[in-house]
Protein backbone atom coordinates (compact mmCIF):
# COMPACT_ATOMS: atom_id res chain seq x y z
CA MET A 1 -7.55 0.32 -17.87
CA LYS A 2 -8.76 -3.37 -18.20
CA GLY A 3 -6.83 -6.43 -17.20
CA ALA A 4 -5.26 -7.32 -20.54
CA ASP A 5 -3.88 -3.90 -21.13
CA LEU A 6 -2.13 -3.76 -17.75
CA ARG A 7 1.73 -4.10 -17.37
CA VAL A 8 2.08 -3.54 -13.64
CA LEU A 9 5.06 -2.88 -11.53
CA LEU A 10 4.03 -4.15 -8.10
CA THR A 11 6.05 -3.25 -5.09
CA GLY A 12 5.69 -5.40 -1.87
CA GLY A 13 4.97 -8.27 -4.29
CA THR A 14 5.72 -10.93 -1.78
CA GLY A 15 3.55 -9.47 1.04
CA GLY A 16 0.01 -10.66 1.82
CA ILE A 17 -1.86 -7.96 -0.27
CA GLY A 18 0.92 -8.13 -2.96
CA GLN A 19 0.66 -11.88 -3.47
CA ALA A 20 -3.15 -11.78 -3.60
CA THR A 21 -3.10 -8.68 -5.95
CA ALA A 22 -0.48 -10.34 -8.31
CA ALA A 23 -2.67 -13.46 -8.59
CA GLU A 24 -5.78 -11.38 -9.38
CA LEU A 25 -3.92 -9.35 -11.93
CA VAL A 26 -2.62 -12.51 -13.81
CA ALA A 27 -5.98 -14.03 -13.58
CA ARG A 28 -7.46 -11.01 -15.51
CA GLY A 29 -4.85 -11.15 -18.25
CA ALA A 30 -2.32 -8.61 -16.90
CA ARG A 31 1.43 -8.88 -16.76
CA VAL A 32 3.24 -8.24 -13.58
CA MET A 33 6.67 -7.21 -12.46
CA LEU A 34 7.03 -8.23 -8.84
CA ALA A 35 9.43 -6.02 -6.73
CA GLY A 36 10.66 -6.88 -3.28
CA ARG A 37 13.76 -7.58 -1.08
CA SER A 38 13.86 -11.47 -1.33
CA PRO A 39 14.99 -12.95 -4.68
CA ALA A 40 14.19 -16.43 -3.40
CA ARG A 41 10.51 -15.42 -2.65
CA LEU A 42 10.18 -13.40 -5.76
CA SER A 43 11.40 -16.04 -8.07
CA SER A 44 9.20 -18.68 -6.41
CA GLN A 45 6.16 -16.51 -6.69
CA ALA A 46 6.89 -15.73 -10.39
CA ARG A 47 7.16 -19.36 -11.20
CA VAL A 48 3.80 -20.07 -9.63
CA LEU A 49 2.14 -17.27 -11.56
CA ASN A 50 3.94 -18.31 -14.84
CA ALA A 51 2.69 -21.94 -14.33
CA GLY A 52 -0.75 -20.60 -14.97
CA ARG A 53 0.17 -18.49 -17.90
CA GLU A 54 3.68 -18.33 -19.44
CA GLY A 55 5.28 -14.95 -19.41
CA ALA A 56 2.78 -13.44 -16.98
CA ALA A 57 5.25 -12.58 -14.30
CA THR A 58 8.79 -11.35 -13.90
CA TRP A 59 10.58 -9.95 -10.77
CA HIS A 60 13.25 -7.49 -9.79
CA GLU A 61 14.95 -7.17 -6.38
CA VAL A 62 14.70 -3.79 -4.81
CA GLU A 63 15.83 -2.19 -1.41
CA LEU A 64 13.30 0.61 -1.00
CA GLY A 65 15.50 2.48 1.47
CA THR A 66 18.19 3.03 -1.18
CA PRO A 67 17.64 5.55 -3.86
CA ALA A 68 20.14 3.85 -6.19
CA SER A 69 18.21 0.56 -5.95
CA ILE A 70 14.93 2.36 -6.62
CA ASP A 71 16.56 4.02 -9.74
CA LYS A 72 17.53 0.55 -11.06
CA LEU A 73 14.06 -0.74 -10.54
CA ALA A 74 12.62 2.26 -12.35
CA GLY A 75 14.96 1.67 -15.22
CA ALA A 76 14.02 -2.02 -15.47
CA ALA A 77 10.38 -1.29 -15.17
CA ALA A 78 10.45 1.29 -17.86
CA ALA A 79 12.49 -0.99 -20.35
CA TRP A 80 9.90 -3.72 -19.48
CA GLY A 81 7.16 -1.36 -20.59
CA CYS A 82 5.14 -0.90 -17.37
CA ASN A 83 2.20 1.33 -17.69
CA VAL A 84 0.89 0.90 -14.16
CA VAL A 85 2.70 1.36 -10.79
CA VAL A 86 1.07 -0.22 -7.73
CA HIS A 87 2.84 0.89 -4.52
CA ALA A 88 1.89 -2.02 -2.21
CA ALA A 89 5.06 -2.23 -0.08
CA GLY A 90 4.69 -1.20 3.56
CA ALA A 91 6.10 -1.20 6.97
CA PRO A 92 4.13 -1.38 10.28
CA ALA A 93 4.56 0.54 13.57
CA PHE A 94 2.22 -0.21 16.43
CA GLY A 95 2.35 0.83 20.11
CA PRO A 96 2.34 3.85 22.29
CA ALA A 97 4.01 6.75 20.52
CA GLY A 98 6.84 6.90 23.15
CA ALA A 99 7.62 3.23 22.86
CA VAL A 100 8.19 2.97 19.17
CA PRO A 101 12.07 3.03 18.57
CA ALA A 102 13.47 6.04 16.66
CA GLN A 103 14.87 3.74 13.99
CA GLN A 104 11.54 2.16 13.39
CA LEU A 105 10.05 5.68 12.87
CA GLN A 106 12.58 6.30 10.20
CA GLU A 107 12.00 2.96 8.55
CA VAL A 108 8.26 3.45 8.50
CA ILE A 109 8.47 6.89 7.01
CA THR A 110 11.00 5.72 4.33
CA THR A 111 9.23 2.72 3.26
CA ASN A 112 5.65 3.99 3.39
CA LEU A 113 6.27 7.44 2.09
CA LEU A 114 9.70 8.43 0.77
CA ALA A 115 10.16 5.18 -1.20
CA PRO A 116 6.81 5.50 -3.22
CA MET A 117 7.48 9.21 -3.80
CA THR A 118 11.09 8.43 -5.06
CA LEU A 119 9.92 5.61 -7.39
CA THR A 120 7.09 7.66 -8.71
CA HIS A 121 9.42 10.54 -9.35
CA ALA A 122 11.87 8.26 -11.26
CA LEU A 123 9.12 6.68 -13.48
CA LEU A 124 7.04 9.82 -14.23
CA PRO A 125 8.98 10.74 -17.39
CA HIS A 126 8.38 7.26 -18.75
CA LEU A 127 4.82 7.16 -17.72
CA GLN A 128 3.95 10.63 -19.12
CA GLY A 129 5.27 9.44 -22.45
CA LEU A 130 2.60 6.70 -22.67
CA PRO A 131 -0.85 7.06 -24.13
CA ARG A 132 -2.31 5.93 -20.80
CA ALA A 133 -0.75 5.14 -17.47
CA GLN A 134 -1.88 4.74 -13.78
CA VAL A 135 -0.06 5.10 -10.42
CA LEU A 136 -1.99 3.54 -7.46
CA PHE A 137 -0.92 4.06 -3.87
CA VAL A 138 -2.07 1.38 -1.38
CA GLY A 139 -2.51 3.49 1.72
CA SER A 140 -4.97 2.85 4.61
CA VAL A 141 -7.98 4.28 6.24
CA LEU A 142 -5.37 5.40 8.72
CA GLY A 143 -4.20 7.86 5.97
CA ALA A 144 -7.49 9.70 6.86
CA ILE A 145 -8.06 8.82 10.50
CA GLY A 146 -5.52 9.30 13.33
CA LEU A 147 -5.89 6.27 15.57
CA PRO A 148 -4.27 5.67 19.01
CA GLY A 149 -1.35 3.23 18.77
CA PHE A 150 -0.56 4.05 15.10
CA SER A 151 0.94 7.55 15.19
CA ALA A 152 3.95 6.85 13.08
CA TYR A 153 2.02 4.60 10.60
CA CYS A 154 -0.72 7.23 10.40
CA ALA A 155 1.85 9.98 9.69
CA SER A 156 3.35 8.01 6.79
CA LYS A 157 -0.16 7.21 5.39
CA PHE A 158 -1.49 10.70 5.78
CA GLY A 159 1.67 11.94 3.86
CA LEU A 160 1.12 9.31 1.09
CA ARG A 161 -2.44 10.37 0.69
CA GLY A 162 -1.51 13.98 0.47
CA TYR A 163 1.21 13.26 -1.97
CA ALA A 164 -1.25 11.27 -4.16
CA GLN A 165 -3.86 13.85 -3.92
CA ALA A 166 -1.52 16.68 -4.83
CA LEU A 167 0.11 14.77 -7.65
CA ARG A 168 -3.31 14.04 -9.12
CA ARG A 169 -4.27 17.64 -9.12
CA GLU A 170 -0.90 18.60 -10.53
CA LEU A 171 -1.10 16.16 -13.47
CA GLY A 172 -4.77 16.93 -14.19
CA PRO A 173 -6.69 15.10 -17.03
CA GLY A 174 -3.46 13.97 -18.77
CA ALA A 175 -2.13 10.48 -19.62
CA VAL A 176 -1.35 9.48 -15.98
CA ARG A 177 -4.14 8.68 -13.53
CA VAL A 178 -3.17 8.84 -9.90
CA GLN A 179 -5.18 6.81 -7.33
CA TYR A 180 -5.32 6.06 -3.65
CA LEU A 181 -6.76 2.89 -2.06
CA GLY A 182 -7.39 2.92 1.72
CA PRO A 183 -7.99 -0.62 3.03
CA ARG A 184 -8.97 -1.06 6.71
CA SER A 185 -7.11 -3.70 8.78
CA THR A 186 -6.42 -6.88 6.77
CA ARG A 187 -5.54 -10.35 7.77
CA THR A 188 -1.81 -10.67 6.91
CA ASP A 189 1.45 -11.29 8.70
CA PHE A 190 1.77 -7.47 8.55
CA ASN A 191 -0.21 -7.42 11.82
CA ASP A 192 1.60 -8.97 14.91
CA THR A 193 -0.26 -10.48 17.84
CA ALA A 194 -0.49 -7.20 19.71
CA VAL A 195 -2.31 -5.64 16.81
CA GLU A 196 -4.65 -8.59 16.51
CA ALA A 197 -5.44 -8.41 20.30
CA TYR A 198 -6.05 -4.61 19.99
CA ASN A 199 -8.33 -5.17 17.06
CA ARG A 200 -10.33 -7.74 19.20
CA ALA A 201 -10.49 -5.41 22.14
CA THR A 202 -11.75 -2.52 20.03
CA GLY A 203 -14.14 -4.46 17.82
CA THR A 204 -12.07 -3.66 14.64
CA ALA A 205 -13.09 -5.83 11.68
CA MET A 206 -10.34 -7.27 9.42
CA ASP A 207 -10.77 -7.95 5.77
CA GLU A 208 -9.18 -10.81 3.84
CA VAL A 209 -6.43 -10.14 1.42
CA ARG A 210 -8.56 -11.31 -1.57
CA GLN A 211 -11.16 -8.69 -0.71
CA VAL A 212 -8.51 -5.97 -0.85
CA ALA A 213 -6.91 -7.32 -4.00
CA ARG A 214 -10.24 -7.42 -5.88
CA ALA A 215 -10.97 -3.82 -4.75
CA LEU A 216 -7.59 -2.85 -6.00
CA LEU A 217 -8.29 -4.30 -9.33
CA GLN A 218 -11.70 -2.65 -9.46
CA LEU A 219 -10.16 0.66 -8.76
CA LEU A 220 -7.62 0.19 -11.58
CA GLU A 221 -10.42 -0.69 -14.02
CA ASP A 222 -12.89 2.23 -13.07
CA GLU A 223 -10.02 4.64 -12.48
CA THR A 224 -11.82 6.31 -9.50
CA PRO A 225 -9.32 8.69 -7.78
CA GLU A 226 -9.81 7.47 -4.18
CA ARG A 227 -11.53 4.83 -2.33
CA PHE A 228 -11.73 3.48 1.26
CA LEU A 229 -12.86 0.13 2.29
CA GLY A 230 -15.05 -1.07 5.08
CA PHE A 231 -17.87 0.17 7.33
CA PRO A 232 -17.94 2.03 9.62
CA GLU A 233 -14.47 3.06 8.49
CA LYS A 234 -15.75 4.81 5.42
CA LEU A 235 -18.15 6.83 7.45
CA ALA A 236 -15.40 7.71 10.00
CA VAL A 237 -13.19 8.96 7.07
CA ARG A 238 -15.96 11.50 6.09
CA LEU A 239 -16.68 12.49 9.63
CA ASN A 240 -12.95 12.96 10.40
CA GLY A 241 -12.44 15.06 7.30
CA ALA A 242 -15.39 17.28 8.13
CA VAL A 243 -15.45 17.51 11.97
CA PRO A 244 -12.39 15.81 13.45
CA GLY A 245 -13.06 17.00 16.90
CA TRP A 246 -16.23 14.95 17.09
CA LEU A 247 -14.33 11.68 16.87
CA ASP A 248 -11.79 12.46 19.62
CA ARG A 249 -13.93 11.11 22.44
CA ALA A 250 -14.88 8.06 20.35
CA PHE A 251 -11.42 6.70 20.75
CA ALA A 252 -11.26 6.54 24.55
CA GLY A 253 -11.80 2.80 24.43
CA HIS A 254 -8.86 2.53 21.91
CA ARG A 255 -6.59 4.40 24.28
CA ARG A 256 -7.41 1.92 27.04
CA ALA A 257 -7.13 -1.02 24.71
CA LEU A 258 -3.69 0.27 23.50
CA HIS A 259 -2.10 0.20 27.00
CA ALA A 260 -3.72 -3.21 27.68
CA THR A 261 -2.54 -4.96 24.57
CA ALA A 262 0.51 -3.14 23.05
CA GLY A 263 3.65 -5.35 23.04
CA SER A 264 7.07 -4.76 21.66
CA ALA A 265 7.31 -3.08 18.17
CA PRO A 266 6.86 -5.49 15.19
CA LEU A 267 9.63 -6.32 12.74
CA MET A 268 9.56 -4.78 9.29
CA LYS A 269 7.20 -6.55 6.93
CA GLU A 270 5.58 -6.14 3.59
CA GLN A 271 1.79 -5.70 3.51
């Protein structure tokens, strides 16, 4: 669908990717419902968006770890008339697998996988009743490549990609299009100093949030099922899918960098 036709429920609306995406959506004529945990940040962001075009943005507080809160968000979004859901909320986890606290493992799986599944489930009846609708999951290239230091995060994004793929095949060529966007590392507060040091040590490139937001908008407009961002990441996704064993030795440097740079586990943040 094109910009002016989009009424987008955007989770993680106050995160780095979320803010850039909301701005791009409004600039292209879309209307946006921002969803996140901070009413103060949500209302402030909506005011900025509405200053450029009155009525362009609204917001709704949600706690993605609480099914009842997700149900309230789904009800509000359906009543508002959303025809697109963009799951951009996310939680990080970086460090040696044995050093990531058990509570953080649960939070990452809940935020990155269970919450988007639950919200999609709640909104499907509404979306399937529309002439045209889209559900876009903001995943990661780490939803297709297992990387040292990101075991929990990879697990959540592998699961998200699998859910998106299965749901797309289940719904078929009906009214609801299901899509997955896999950005590579992006410059936001989502990454703490340990991740930035790891990226420098391994030569990992980082994209700006506006690049990711524009790619997201392009994906909504061309309705491609799945797209990954960056090179050589896109090549690595293909190789890992075809011959995963070939890449095992390629990450020896990443293993060394992990133990040299990993610090304490980061706090929960939106992407």
